[in-house]
Amino acid sequence: MGGAASRYAAVDLGAESGRVMVGTFDGERTPPREVPRFPCTPVHTGDGLQ
């Protein structure tokens, strides 16, 4: 492995939860690592849900 590795993130926002996958590209592969899931809770506003 020669130079510096590059990091990438993918975000998945679902109806009830979200998650982030992080991968570090070493020039050949990008093994993913899942960051802990988090809730996607709707916010009530005067105009409805956000």
N, C-alpha and C. Protein backbone atom coordinates (compact mmCIF):
# COMPACT_ATOMS: atom_id res chain seq x y z
N MET A 1 0.86 -1.16 0.00
CA MET A 1 0.00 0.00 0.00
C MET A 1 0.91 1.23 0.00
N GLY A 2 0.76 2.08 -1.03
CA GLY A 2 1.66 3.20 -1.21
C GLY A 2 1.26 4.46 -0.47
N GLY A 3 0.38 5.26 -1.06
CA GLY A 3 0.03 6.58 -0.52
C GLY A 3 -1.04 6.51 0.55
N ALA A 4 -1.60 7.66 0.79
CA ALA A 4 -2.64 7.77 1.81
C ALA A 4 -3.94 7.12 1.34
N ALA A 5 -4.67 6.53 2.27
CA ALA A 5 -5.95 5.90 1.96
C ALA A 5 -7.03 6.97 1.91
N SER A 6 -8.05 6.75 1.07
CA SER A 6 -9.19 7.66 0.97
C SER A 6 -10.36 7.08 1.73
N ARG A 7 -11.12 7.93 2.41
CA ARG A 7 -12.30 7.49 3.15
C ARG A 7 -13.55 7.98 2.44
N TYR A 8 -14.58 7.13 2.46
CA TYR A 8 -15.87 7.44 1.83
C TYR A 8 -16.98 7.09 2.79
N ALA A 9 -18.09 7.83 2.68
CA ALA A 9 -19.26 7.57 3.52
C ALA A 9 -20.50 7.46 2.65
N ALA A 10 -21.38 6.53 2.99
CA ALA A 10 -22.68 6.38 2.34
C ALA A 10 -23.74 6.51 3.42
N VAL A 11 -24.78 7.28 3.13
CA VAL A 11 -25.84 7.53 4.11
C VAL A 11 -27.14 6.93 3.60
N ASP A 12 -27.83 6.18 4.45
CA ASP A 12 -29.12 5.56 4.12
C ASP A 12 -30.14 6.09 5.12
N LEU A 13 -31.07 6.91 4.64
CA LEU A 13 -32.13 7.44 5.49
C LEU A 13 -33.43 6.73 5.18
N GLY A 14 -33.90 5.93 6.12
CA GLY A 14 -35.15 5.20 5.95
C GLY A 14 -36.30 5.92 6.63
N ALA A 15 -37.46 5.30 6.62
CA ALA A 15 -38.65 5.91 7.22
C ALA A 15 -38.56 5.98 8.74
N GLU A 16 -37.89 5.01 9.36
CA GLU A 16 -37.84 4.97 10.82
C GLU A 16 -36.43 5.07 11.39
N SER A 17 -35.41 4.80 10.58
CA SER A 17 -34.04 4.89 11.08
C SER A 17 -33.10 5.22 9.94
N GLY A 18 -31.90 5.57 10.30
CA GLY A 18 -30.87 5.86 9.32
C GLY A 18 -29.58 5.18 9.72
N ARG A 19 -28.65 5.12 8.78
CA ARG A 19 -27.35 4.54 9.09
C ARG A 19 -26.31 5.16 8.17
N VAL A 20 -25.08 5.05 8.58
CA VAL A 20 -23.96 5.53 7.80
C VAL A 20 -22.98 4.37 7.67
N MET A 21 -22.52 4.15 6.45
CA MET A 21 -21.48 3.15 6.19
C MET A 21 -20.22 3.91 5.81
N VAL A 22 -19.09 3.55 6.44
CA VAL A 22 -17.82 4.21 6.17
C VAL A 22 -16.87 3.18 5.59
N GLY A 23 -16.19 3.55 4.52
CA GLY A 23 -15.21 2.67 3.91
C GLY A 23 -13.91 3.41 3.68
N THR A 24 -12.80 2.72 3.82
CA THR A 24 -11.48 3.29 3.56
C THR A 24 -10.89 2.56 2.36
N PHE A 25 -10.67 3.30 1.26
CA PHE A 25 -10.13 2.71 0.03
C PHE A 25 -8.62 2.71 0.12
N ASP A 26 -8.04 1.52 0.03
CA ASP A 26 -6.59 1.38 0.17
C ASP A 26 -5.88 1.22 -1.17
N GLY A 27 -6.60 1.48 -2.26
CA GLY A 27 -6.02 1.30 -3.59
C GLY A 27 -6.54 0.05 -4.27
N GLU A 28 -7.11 -0.87 -3.50
CA GLU A 28 -7.64 -2.11 -4.04
C GLU A 28 -9.05 -2.41 -3.57
N ARG A 29 -9.32 -2.16 -2.30
CA ARG A 29 -10.61 -2.53 -1.72
C ARG A 29 -11.16 -1.42 -0.84
N THR A 30 -12.46 -1.49 -0.58
CA THR A 30 -13.13 -0.58 0.34
C THR A 30 -14.00 -1.39 1.29
N PRO A 31 -13.41 -2.02 2.32
CA PRO A 31 -14.26 -2.77 3.25
C PRO A 31 -15.13 -1.82 4.06
N PRO A 32 -16.46 -2.03 4.05
CA PRO A 32 -17.36 -1.11 4.76
C PRO A 32 -17.42 -1.40 6.25
N ARG A 33 -17.71 -0.36 7.00
CA ARG A 33 -17.93 -0.46 8.44
C ARG A 33 -19.18 0.36 8.75
N GLU A 34 -20.13 -0.24 9.45
CA GLU A 34 -21.39 0.44 9.77
C GLU A 34 -21.24 1.23 11.06
N VAL A 35 -21.59 2.51 11.00
CA VAL A 35 -21.66 3.35 12.18
C VAL A 35 -23.02 3.04 12.82
N PRO A 36 -23.16 3.11 14.15
CA PRO A 36 -24.45 2.77 14.77
C PRO A 36 -25.64 3.49 14.14
N ARG A 37 -26.75 2.76 14.02
CA ARG A 37 -27.98 3.34 13.47
C ARG A 37 -28.51 4.43 14.38
N PHE A 38 -29.33 5.29 13.80
CA PHE A 38 -29.94 6.37 14.55
C PHE A 38 -31.39 6.51 14.12
N PRO A 39 -32.28 7.00 15.02
CA PRO A 39 -33.69 7.13 14.68
C PRO A 39 -33.93 8.32 13.74
N CYS A 40 -34.88 8.16 12.84
CA CYS A 40 -35.36 9.24 11.98
C CYS A 40 -36.78 9.55 12.44
N THR A 41 -36.91 10.47 13.35
CA THR A 41 -38.20 10.81 13.94
C THR A 41 -38.78 12.04 13.25
N PRO A 42 -40.02 11.98 12.77
CA PRO A 42 -40.62 13.16 12.13
C PRO A 42 -40.78 14.31 13.12
N VAL A 43 -40.67 15.52 12.61
CA VAL A 43 -40.82 16.72 13.42
C VAL A 43 -42.10 17.40 13.02
N HIS A 44 -42.98 17.63 13.99
CA HIS A 44 -44.24 18.32 13.73
C HIS A 44 -44.00 19.82 13.65
N THR A 45 -44.42 20.43 12.55
CA THR A 45 -44.34 21.88 12.41
C THR A 45 -45.74 22.42 12.12
N GLY A 46 -45.90 23.70 12.02
CA GLY A 46 -47.19 24.28 11.72
C GLY A 46 -47.72 23.87 10.36
N ASP A 47 -46.82 23.49 9.44
CA ASP A 47 -47.22 23.10 8.08
C ASP A 47 -47.36 21.60 7.91
N GLY A 48 -47.12 20.82 8.94
CA GLY A 48 -47.19 19.36 8.83
C GLY A 48 -45.95 18.71 9.41
N LEU A 49 -45.50 17.66 8.76
CA LEU A 49 -44.31 16.94 9.22
C LEU A 49 -43.11 17.31 8.36
N GLN A 50 -41.95 17.33 8.98
CA GLN A 50 -40.71 17.59 8.26
C GLN A 50 -39.81 16.39 8.43
